[in-house]
Amino acid sequence: MTEPITHSGFIAVAGLSEGVDLVAEVRALNDAGVEVPWLWNLAVRWADDPHSLDQEILVFGVHNDRGFLSWQCGMTAHVPVNGRNSEWSSAYLGGMH
């Protein structure tokens, strides 16, 4: 049995199998009720050097009625201007500690 794509904390768009609907899988996971906040790192493809500062990554996550979004490139991160969380929240990469 193959694990759902959402069980990997690092996802490459170029590596997704044809027909995989990442948004639908994340929604299904979240709709089932998430006790621990989950997040994922999404890239077009992962750089050969995992420490490359040129890697552009969309980091996103869910925790029931809350979400997380950040665009990162190297040491720079951009987050939405308007957010609803008044406190910092921790999340777990692909549900793992």
PDB file of N, CA and C in Angstrom:
ATOM      1  N   MET A   1       0.835  -1.181   0.000  1.00  0.00           N
ATOM      2  CA  MET A   1       0.000   0.000   0.000  1.00  0.00           C
ATOM      3  C   MET A   1       0.878   1.242   0.000  1.00  0.00           C
ATOM      4  N   THR A   2       0.562   2.204  -0.831  1.00  0.00           N
ATOM      5  CA  THR A   2       1.311   3.442  -0.940  1.00  0.00           C
ATOM      6  C   THR A   2       0.754   4.472   0.035  1.00  0.00           C
ATOM      7  N   GLU A   3       1.656   5.153   0.742  1.00  0.00           N
ATOM      8  CA  GLU A   3       1.212   6.208   1.651  1.00  0.00           C
ATOM      9  C   GLU A   3       0.674   7.389   0.854  1.00  0.00           C
ATOM     10  N   PRO A   4      -0.299   8.096   1.400  1.00  0.00           N
ATOM     11  CA  PRO A   4      -0.789   9.305   0.725  1.00  0.00           C
ATOM     12  C   PRO A   4       0.346  10.324   0.574  1.00  0.00           C
ATOM     13  N   ILE A   5       0.275  11.131  -0.450  1.00  0.00           N
ATOM     14  CA  ILE A   5       1.313  12.144  -0.700  1.00  0.00           C
ATOM     15  C   ILE A   5       1.442  13.089   0.492  1.00  0.00           C
ATOM     16  N   THR A   6       0.364  13.268   1.238  1.00  0.00           N
ATOM     17  CA  THR A   6       0.390  14.175   2.389  1.00  0.00           C
ATOM     18  C   THR A   6       1.236  13.645   3.540  1.00  0.00           C
ATOM     19  N   HIS A   7       1.678  12.386   3.484  1.00  0.00           N
ATOM     20  CA  HIS A   7       2.513  11.836   4.544  1.00  0.00           C
ATOM     21  C   HIS A   7       3.994  12.133   4.334  1.00  0.00           C
ATOM     22  N   SER A   8       4.318  12.860   3.296  1.00  0.00           N
ATOM     23  CA  SER A   8       5.693  13.299   3.046  1.00  0.00           C
ATOM     24  C   SER A   8       5.774  14.790   3.325  1.00  0.00           C
ATOM     25  N   GLY A   9       6.750  15.205   4.093  1.00  0.00           N
ATOM     26  CA  GLY A   9       6.885  16.625   4.419  1.00  0.00           C
ATOM     27  C   GLY A   9       7.469  17.453   3.296  1.00  0.00           C
ATOM     28  N   PHE A  10       8.129  16.797   2.335  1.00  0.00           N
ATOM     29  CA  PHE A  10       8.763  17.485   1.213  1.00  0.00           C
ATOM     30  C   PHE A  10       8.160  16.939  -0.076  1.00  0.00           C
ATOM     31  N   ILE A  11       7.517  17.802  -0.846  1.00  0.00           N
ATOM     32  CA  ILE A  11       6.817  17.371  -2.056  1.00  0.00           C
ATOM     33  C   ILE A  11       7.363  18.151  -3.241  1.00  0.00           C
ATOM     34  N   ALA A  12       7.698  17.439  -4.311  1.00  0.00           N
ATOM     35  CA  ALA A  12       8.133  18.065  -5.562  1.00  0.00           C
ATOM     36  C   ALA A  12       7.006  17.930  -6.581  1.00  0.00           C
ATOM     37  N   VAL A  13       6.567  19.046  -7.127  1.00  0.00           N
ATOM     38  CA  VAL A  13       5.505  19.022  -8.130  1.00  0.00           C
ATOM     39  C   VAL A  13       5.919  18.133  -9.298  1.00  0.00           C
ATOM     40  N   ALA A  14       7.186  18.234  -9.702  1.00  0.00           N
ATOM     41  CA  ALA A  14       7.683  17.438 -10.828  1.00  0.00           C
ATOM     42  C   ALA A  14       7.635  15.937 -10.537  1.00  0.00           C
ATOM     43  N   GLY A  15       7.589  15.562  -9.268  1.00  0.00           N
ATOM     44  CA  GLY A  15       7.583  14.154  -8.904  1.00  0.00           C
ATOM     45  C   GLY A  15       6.202  13.577  -8.632  1.00  0.00           C
ATOM     46  N   LEU A  16       5.165  14.401  -8.716  1.00  0.00           N
ATOM     47  CA  LEU A  16       3.817  13.910  -8.467  1.00  0.00           C
ATOM     48  C   LEU A  16       3.353  13.019  -9.610  1.00  0.00           C
ATOM     49  N   SER A  17       2.731  11.939  -9.272  1.00  0.00           N
ATOM     50  CA  SER A  17       2.175  11.047 -10.287  1.00  0.00           C
ATOM     51  C   SER A  17       1.014  11.741 -10.986  1.00  0.00           C
ATOM     52  N   GLU A  18       0.818  11.384 -12.244  1.00  0.00           N
ATOM     53  CA  GLU A  18      -0.287  11.961 -13.003  1.00  0.00           C
ATOM     54  C   GLU A  18      -1.604  11.640 -12.301  1.00  0.00           C
ATOM     55  N   GLY A  19      -2.449  12.637 -12.201  1.00  0.00           N
ATOM     56  CA  GLY A  19      -3.753  12.449 -11.575  1.00  0.00           C
ATOM     57  C   GLY A  19      -3.784  12.721 -10.081  1.00  0.00           C
ATOM     58  N   VAL A  20      -2.626  12.961  -9.463  1.00  0.00           N
ATOM     59  CA  VAL A  20      -2.605  13.272  -8.036  1.00  0.00           C
ATOM     60  C   VAL A  20      -3.139  14.681  -7.835  1.00  0.00           C
ATOM     61  N   ASP A  21      -4.143  14.811  -6.985  1.00  0.00           N
ATOM     62  CA  ASP A  21      -4.737  16.113  -6.660  1.00  0.00           C
ATOM     63  C   ASP A  21      -4.317  16.462  -5.241  1.00  0.00           C
ATOM     64  N   LEU A  22      -3.211  17.182  -5.119  1.00  0.00           N
ATOM     65  CA  LEU A  22      -2.639  17.510  -3.824  1.00  0.00           C
ATOM     66  C   LEU A  22      -3.623  18.304  -2.974  1.00  0.00           C
ATOM     67  N   VAL A  23      -4.305  19.263  -3.576  1.00  0.00           N
ATOM     68  CA  VAL A  23      -5.267  20.076  -2.833  1.00  0.00           C
ATOM     69  C   VAL A  23      -6.378  19.194  -2.266  1.00  0.00           C
ATOM     70  N   ALA A  24      -6.900  18.276  -3.066  1.00  0.00           N
ATOM     71  CA  ALA A  24      -7.955  17.379  -2.597  1.00  0.00           C
ATOM     72  C   ALA A  24      -7.460  16.487  -1.455  1.00  0.00           C
ATOM     73  N   GLU A  25      -6.218  16.024  -1.539  1.00  0.00           N
ATOM     74  CA  GLU A  25      -5.675  15.174  -0.481  1.00  0.00           C
ATOM     75  C   GLU A  25      -5.503  15.945   0.823  1.00  0.00           C
ATOM     76  N   VAL A  26      -5.029  17.191   0.719  1.00  0.00           N
ATOM     77  CA  VAL A  26      -4.881  18.014   1.928  1.00  0.00           C
ATOM     78  C   VAL A  26      -6.257  18.317   2.519  1.00  0.00           C
ATOM     79  N   ARG A  27      -7.227  18.631   1.674  1.00  0.00           N
ATOM     80  CA  ARG A  27      -8.584  18.902   2.173  1.00  0.00           C
ATOM     81  C   ARG A  27      -9.175  17.671   2.850  1.00  0.00           C
ATOM     82  N   ALA A  28      -9.003  16.507   2.266  1.00  0.00           N
ATOM     83  CA  ALA A  28      -9.532  15.272   2.849  1.00  0.00           C
ATOM     84  C   ALA A  28      -8.903  15.005   4.214  1.00  0.00           C
ATOM     85  N   LEU A  29      -7.590  15.199   4.312  1.00  0.00           N
ATOM     86  CA  LEU A  29      -6.899  15.017   5.583  1.00  0.00           C
ATOM     87  C   LEU A  29      -7.446  15.985   6.622  1.00  0.00           C
ATOM     88  N   ASN A  30      -7.560  17.252   6.250  1.00  0.00           N
ATOM     89  CA  ASN A  30      -8.024  18.270   7.179  1.00  0.00           C
ATOM     90  C   ASN A  30      -9.495  18.056   7.550  1.00  0.00           C
ATOM     91  N   ASP A  31     -10.326  17.671   6.584  1.00  0.00           N
ATOM     92  CA  ASP A  31     -11.751  17.446   6.846  1.00  0.00           C
ATOM     93  C   ASP A  31     -11.982  16.294   7.815  1.00  0.00           C
ATOM     94  N   ALA A  32     -11.016  15.376   7.887  1.00  0.00           N
ATOM     95  CA  ALA A  32     -11.133  14.245   8.801  1.00  0.00           C
ATOM     96  C   ALA A  32     -10.897  14.679  10.251  1.00  0.00           C
ATOM     97  N   GLY A  33     -10.417  15.911  10.429  1.00  0.00           N
ATOM     98  CA  GLY A  33     -10.131  16.432  11.768  1.00  0.00           C
ATOM     99  C   GLY A  33      -8.666  16.238  12.102  1.00  0.00           C
ATOM    100  N   VAL A  34      -7.952  17.329  12.225  1.00  0.00           N
ATOM    101  CA  VAL A  34      -6.511  17.284  12.470  1.00  0.00           C
ATOM    102  C   VAL A  34      -6.246  17.674  13.917  1.00  0.00           C
ATOM    103  N   GLU A  35      -5.691  16.745  14.688  1.00  0.00           N
ATOM    104  CA  GLU A  35      -5.369  17.047  16.086  1.00  0.00           C
ATOM    105  C   GLU A  35      -4.047  17.795  16.204  1.00  0.00           C
ATOM    106  N   VAL A  36      -3.118  17.486  15.315  1.00  0.00           N
ATOM    107  CA  VAL A  36      -1.801  18.116  15.302  1.00  0.00           C
ATOM    108  C   VAL A  36      -1.675  18.917  14.015  1.00  0.00           C
ATOM    109  N   PRO A  37      -1.271  20.196  14.085  1.00  0.00           N
ATOM    110  CA  PRO A  37      -1.102  20.981  12.843  1.00  0.00           C
ATOM    111  C   PRO A  37      -0.070  20.342  11.916  1.00  0.00           C
ATOM    112  N   TRP A  38      -0.417  20.189  10.644  1.00  0.00           N
ATOM    113  CA  TRP A  38       0.463  19.604   9.636  1.00  0.00           C
ATOM    114  C   TRP A  38       0.967  20.702   8.722  1.00  0.00           C
ATOM    115  N   LEU A  39       2.191  20.535   8.199  1.00  0.00           N
ATOM    116  CA  LEU A  39       2.681  21.440   7.160  1.00  0.00           C
ATOM    117  C   LEU A  39       3.559  20.687   6.182  1.00  0.00           C
ATOM    118  N   TRP A  40       3.701  21.275   4.985  1.00  0.00           N
ATOM    119  CA  TRP A  40       4.469  20.661   3.900  1.00  0.00           C
ATOM    120  C   TRP A  40       5.320  21.710   3.224  1.00  0.00           C
ATOM    121  N   ASN A  41       6.434  21.256   2.642  1.00  0.00           N
ATOM    122  CA  ASN A  41       7.302  22.081   1.811  1.00  0.00           C
ATOM    123  C   ASN A  41       7.099  21.620   0.374  1.00  0.00           C
ATOM    124  N   LEU A  42       6.682  22.542  -0.482  1.00  0.00           N
ATOM    125  CA  LEU A  42       6.384  22.214  -1.871  1.00  0.00           C
ATOM    126  C   LEU A  42       7.328  22.990  -2.787  1.00  0.00           C
ATOM    127  N   ALA A  43       8.003  22.274  -3.678  1.00  0.00           N
ATOM    128  CA  ALA A  43       8.903  22.895  -4.652  1.00  0.00           C
ATOM    129  C   ALA A  43       8.570  22.340  -6.034  1.00  0.00           C
ATOM    130  N   VAL A  44       8.942  23.075  -7.066  1.00  0.00           N
ATOM    131  CA  VAL A  44       8.744  22.555  -8.417  1.00  0.00           C
ATOM    132  C   VAL A  44       9.532  21.265  -8.552  1.00  0.00           C
ATOM    133  N   ARG A  45      10.788  21.308  -8.161  1.00  0.00           N
ATOM    134  CA  ARG A  45      11.641  20.119  -8.064  1.00  0.00           C
ATOM    135  C   ARG A  45      12.688  20.457  -7.012  1.00  0.00           C
ATOM    136  N   TRP A  46      13.166  19.464  -6.325  1.00  0.00           N
ATOM    137  CA  TRP A  46      14.148  19.722  -5.277  1.00  0.00           C
ATOM    138  C   TRP A  46      15.534  19.856  -5.870  1.00  0.00           C
ATOM    139  N   ALA A  47      16.287  20.833  -5.382  1.00  0.00           N
ATOM    140  CA  ALA A  47      17.653  21.071  -5.851  1.00  0.00           C
ATOM    141  C   ALA A  47      18.534  19.881  -5.487  1.00  0.00           C
ATOM    142  N   ASP A  48      19.565  19.640  -6.287  1.00  0.00           N
ATOM    143  CA  ASP A  48      20.508  18.560  -5.997  1.00  0.00           C
ATOM    144  C   ASP A  48      21.177  18.779  -4.644  1.00  0.00           C
ATOM    145  N   ASP A  49      21.420  20.029  -4.320  1.00  0.00           N
ATOM    146  CA  ASP A  49      22.024  20.383  -3.036  1.00  0.00           C
ATOM    147  C   ASP A  49      20.901  20.796  -2.083  1.00  0.00           C
ATOM    148  N   PRO A  50      20.610  19.988  -1.062  1.00  0.00           N
ATOM    149  CA  PRO A  50      19.506  20.318  -0.158  1.00  0.00           C
ATOM    150  C   PRO A  50      19.717  21.611   0.626  1.00  0.00           C
ATOM    151  N   HIS A  51      20.940  22.112   0.659  1.00  0.00           N
ATOM    152  CA  HIS A  51      21.241  23.347   1.373  1.00  0.00           C
ATOM    153  C   HIS A  51      21.300  24.556   0.435  1.00  0.00           C
ATOM    154  N   SER A  52      20.895  24.362  -0.805  1.00  0.00           N
ATOM    155  CA  SER A  52      20.934  25.437  -1.787  1.00  0.00           C
ATOM    156  C   SER A  52      20.077  26.613  -1.340  1.00  0.00           C
ATOM    157  N   LEU A  53      20.631  27.804  -1.406  1.00  0.00           N
ATOM    158  CA  LEU A  53      19.882  29.007  -1.042  1.00  0.00           C
ATOM    159  C   LEU A  53      19.040  29.512  -2.206  1.00  0.00           C
ATOM    160  N   ASP A  54      19.154  28.869  -3.373  1.00  0.00           N
ATOM    161  CA  ASP A  54      18.368  29.275  -4.534  1.00  0.00           C
ATOM    162  C   ASP A  54      17.031  28.542  -4.613  1.00  0.00           C
ATOM    163  N   GLN A  55      16.789  27.602  -3.714  1.00  0.00           N
ATOM    164  CA  GLN A  55      15.577  26.795  -3.736  1.00  0.00           C
ATOM    165  C   GLN A  55      14.362  27.646  -3.346  1.00  0.00           C
ATOM    166  N   GLU A  56      13.352  27.676  -4.202  1.00  0.00           N
ATOM    167  CA  GLU A  56      12.105  28.371  -3.893  1.00  0.00           C
ATOM    168  C   GLU A  56      11.101  27.347  -3.395  1.00  0.00           C
ATOM    169  N   ILE A  57      10.483  27.633  -2.253  1.00  0.00           N
ATOM    170  CA  ILE A  57       9.604  26.666  -1.599  1.00  0.00           C
ATOM    171  C   ILE A  57       8.333  27.355  -1.135  1.00  0.00           C
ATOM    172  N   LEU A  58       7.207  26.715  -1.383  1.00  0.00           N
ATOM    173  CA  LEU A  58       5.940  27.152  -0.815  1.00  0.00           C
ATOM    174  C   LEU A  58       5.689  26.255   0.391  1.00  0.00           C
ATOM    175  N   VAL A  59       5.652  26.855   1.563  1.00  0.00           N
ATOM    176  CA  VAL A  59       5.374  26.110   2.783  1.00  0.00           C
ATOM    177  C   VAL A  59       3.911  26.384   3.130  1.00  0.00           C
ATOM    178  N   PHE A  60       3.149  25.312   3.311  1.00  0.00           N
ATOM    179  CA  PHE A  60       1.736  25.494   3.625  1.00  0.00           C
ATOM    180  C   PHE A  60       1.304  24.452   4.639  1.00  0.00           C
ATOM    181  N   GLY A  61       0.269  24.761   5.375  1.00  0.00           N
ATOM    182  CA  GLY A  61      -0.185  23.830   6.386  1.00  0.00           C
ATOM    183  C   GLY A  61      -1.645  24.020   6.726  1.00  0.00           C
ATOM    184  N   VAL A  62      -2.173  23.063   7.471  1.00  0.00           N
ATOM    185  CA  VAL A  62      -3.570  23.101   7.897  1.00  0.00           C
ATOM    186  C   VAL A  62      -3.692  22.649   9.342  1.00  0.00           C
ATOM    187  N   HIS A  63      -4.675  23.192   9.993  1.00  0.00           N
ATOM    188  CA  HIS A  63      -5.067  22.751  11.331  1.00  0.00           C
ATOM    189  C   HIS A  63      -6.535  23.108  11.516  1.00  0.00           C
ATOM    190  N   ASN A  64      -7.396  22.235  10.966  1.00  0.00           N
ATOM    191  CA  ASN A  64      -8.842  22.405  11.013  1.00  0.00           C
ATOM    192  C   ASN A  64      -9.256  23.731  10.381  1.00  0.00           C
ATOM    193  N   ASP A  65      -9.634  24.742  11.171  1.00  0.00           N
ATOM    194  CA  ASP A  65     -10.105  25.999  10.584  1.00  0.00           C
ATOM    195  C   ASP A  65      -8.988  27.023  10.389  1.00  0.00           C
ATOM    196  N   ARG A  66      -7.738  26.614  10.572  1.00  0.00           N
ATOM    197  CA  ARG A  66      -6.599  27.512  10.396  1.00  0.00           C
ATOM    198  C   ARG A  66      -5.682  26.994   9.300  1.00  0.00           C
ATOM    199  N   GLY A  67      -4.976  27.928   8.669  1.00  0.00           N
ATOM    200  CA  GLY A  67      -4.025  27.557   7.641  1.00  0.00           C
ATOM    201  C   GLY A  67      -2.724  28.312   7.817  1.00  0.00           C
ATOM    202  N   PHE A  68      -1.714  27.878   7.098  1.00  0.00           N
ATOM    203  CA  PHE A  68      -0.395  28.493   7.157  1.00  0.00           C
ATOM    204  C   PHE A  68       0.136  28.590   5.740  1.00  0.00           C
ATOM    205  N   LEU A  69       0.765  29.713   5.411  1.00  0.00           N
ATOM    206  CA  LEU A  69       1.310  29.906   4.077  1.00  0.00           C
ATOM    207  C   LEU A  69       2.550  30.785   4.145  1.00  0.00           C
ATOM    208  N   SER A  70       3.611  30.340   3.485  1.00  0.00           N
ATOM    209  CA  SER A  70       4.857  31.110   3.433  1.00  0.00           C
ATOM    210  C   SER A  70       5.585  30.768   2.138  1.00  0.00           C
ATOM    211  N   TRP A  71       6.082  31.785   1.447  1.00  0.00           N
ATOM    212  CA  TRP A  71       6.903  31.596   0.248  1.00  0.00           C
ATOM    213  C   TRP A  71       8.335  31.850   0.673  1.00  0.00           C
ATOM    214  N   GLN A  72       9.220  30.866   0.489  1.00  0.00           N
ATOM    215  CA  GLN A  72      10.595  30.990   0.954  1.00  0.00           C
ATOM    216  C   GLN A  72      11.581  30.787  -0.175  1.00  0.00           C
ATOM    217  N   CYS A  73      12.620  31.603  -0.152  1.00  0.00           N
ATOM    218  CA  CYS A  73      13.737  31.448  -1.069  1.00  0.00           C
ATOM    219  C   CYS A  73      14.993  31.808  -0.299  1.00  0.00           C
ATOM    220  N   GLY A  74      15.828  30.813  -0.079  1.00  0.00           N
ATOM    221  CA  GLY A  74      17.035  31.041   0.699  1.00  0.00           C
ATOM    222  C   GLY A  74      16.684  31.439   2.118  1.00  0.00           C
ATOM    223  N   MET A  75      17.212  32.559   2.547  1.00  0.00           N
ATOM    224  CA  MET A  75      16.976  33.036   3.904  1.00  0.00           C
ATOM    225  C   MET A  75      15.794  34.003   3.980  1.00  0.00           C
ATOM    226  N   THR A  76      15.097  34.210   2.870  1.00  0.00           N
ATOM    227  CA  THR A  76      13.978  35.146   2.815  1.00  0.00           C
ATOM    228  C   THR A  76      12.657  34.395   2.838  1.00  0.00           C
ATOM    229  N   ALA A  77      11.733  34.867   3.645  1.00  0.00           N
ATOM    230  CA  ALA A  77      10.401  34.267   3.711  1.00  0.00           C
ATOM    231  C   ALA A  77       9.355  35.375   3.600  1.00  0.00           C
ATOM    232  N   HIS A  78       8.317  35.097   2.844  1.00  0.00           N
ATOM    233  CA  HIS A  78       7.206  36.043   2.690  1.00  0.00           C
ATOM    234  C   HIS A  78       5.934  35.359   3.165  1.00  0.00           C
ATOM    235  N   VAL A  79       5.165  36.061   3.985  1.00  0.00           N
ATOM    236  CA  VAL A  79       3.904  35.539   4.487  1.00  0.00           C
ATOM    237  C   VAL A  79       2.802  36.524   4.116  1.00  0.00           C
ATOM    238  N   PRO A  80       1.546  36.064   4.085  1.00  0.00           N
ATOM    239  CA  PRO A  80       0.453  36.989   3.769  1.00  0.00           C
ATOM    240  C   PRO A  80       0.398  38.157   4.749  1.00  0.00           C
ATOM    241  N   VAL A  81       0.026  39.320   4.244  1.00  0.00           N
ATOM    242  CA  VAL A  81      -0.063  40.519   5.074  1.00  0.00           C
ATOM    243  C   VAL A  81      -1.199  40.389   6.086  1.00  0.00           C
ATOM    244  N   ASN A  82      -2.322  39.874   5.649  1.00  0.00           N
ATOM    245  CA  ASN A  82      -3.495  39.771   6.515  1.00  0.00           C
ATOM    246  C   ASN A  82      -3.667  38.348   7.002  1.00  0.00           C
ATOM    247  N   GLY A  83      -3.395  38.135   8.265  1.00  0.00           N
ATOM    248  CA  GLY A  83      -3.593  36.823   8.856  1.00  0.00           C
ATOM    249  C   GLY A  83      -4.548  36.944  10.035  1.00  0.00           C
ATOM    250  N   ARG A  84      -5.098  35.813  10.462  1.00  0.00           N
ATOM    251  CA  ARG A  84      -6.062  35.852  11.559  1.00  0.00           C
ATOM    252  C   ARG A  84      -5.484  35.338  12.866  1.00  0.00           C
ATOM    253  N   ASN A  85      -4.340  34.683  12.823  1.00  0.00           N
ATOM    254  CA  ASN A  85      -3.775  34.152  14.062  1.00  0.00           C
ATOM    255  C   ASN A  85      -3.147  35.266  14.870  1.00  0.00           C
ATOM    256  N   SER A  86      -3.538  35.361  16.131  1.00  0.00           N
ATOM    257  CA  SER A  86      -2.954  36.389  17.003  1.00  0.00           C
ATOM    258  C   SER A  86      -1.727  35.862  17.733  1.00  0.00           C
ATOM    259  N   GLU A  87      -1.517  34.539  17.686  1.00  0.00           N
ATOM    260  CA  GLU A  87      -0.380  33.921  18.364  1.00  0.00           C
ATOM    261  C   GLU A  87       0.397  33.038  17.399  1.00  0.00           C
ATOM    262  N   TRP A  88       1.684  32.832  17.691  1.00  0.00           N
ATOM    263  CA  TRP A  88       2.511  31.922  16.908  1.00  0.00           C
ATOM    264  C   TRP A  88       2.030  30.501  17.180  1.00  0.00           C
ATOM    265  N   SER A  89       2.048  29.659  16.183  1.00  0.00           N
ATOM    266  CA  SER A  89       1.609  28.276  16.321  1.00  0.00           C
ATOM    267  C   SER A  89       2.650  27.355  15.706  1.00  0.00           C
ATOM    268  N   SER A  90       2.910  26.238  16.359  1.00  0.00           N
ATOM    269  CA  SER A  90       3.839  25.245  15.817  1.00  0.00           C
ATOM    270  C   SER A  90       3.102  24.246  14.967  1.00  0.00           C
ATOM    271  N   ALA A  91       3.775  23.726  13.953  1.00  0.00           N
ATOM    272  CA  ALA A  91       3.195  22.700  13.100  1.00  0.00           C
ATOM    273  C   ALA A  91       4.218  21.582  12.945  1.00  0.00           C
ATOM    274  N   TYR A  92       3.781  20.455  12.452  1.00  0.00           N
ATOM    275  CA  TYR A  92       4.656  19.297  12.310  1.00  0.00           C
ATOM    276  C   TYR A  92       4.769  18.911  10.859  1.00  0.00           C
ATOM    277  N   LEU A  93       5.982  18.736  10.388  1.00  0.00           N
ATOM    278  CA  LEU A  93       6.289  18.455   8.999  1.00  0.00           C
ATOM    279  C   LEU A  93       5.662  17.134   8.558  1.00  0.00           C
ATOM    280  N   GLY A  94       4.688  17.205   7.669  1.00  0.00           N
ATOM    281  CA  GLY A  94       4.009  16.008   7.190  1.00  0.00           C
ATOM    282  C   GLY A  94       3.392  15.203   8.333  1.00  0.00           C
ATOM    283  N   GLY A  95       3.020  15.885   9.428  1.00  0.00           N
ATOM    284  CA  GLY A  95       2.418  15.217  10.567  1.00  0.00           C
ATOM    285  C   GLY A  95       3.424  14.572  11.504  1.00  0.00           C
ATOM    286  N   MET A  96       4.713  14.618  11.140  1.00  0.00           N
ATOM    287  CA  MET A  96       5.749  13.988  11.972  1.00  0.00           C
ATOM    288  C   MET A  96       6.285  14.988  12.978  1.00  0.00           C
ATOM    289  N   HIS A  97       6.804  14.499  14.097  1.00  0.00           N
ATOM    290  CA  HIS A  97       7.380  15.379  15.112  1.00  0.00           C
ATOM    291  C   HIS A  97       8.742  15.838  14.628  1.00  0.00           C
TER     292      HIS A  97
END
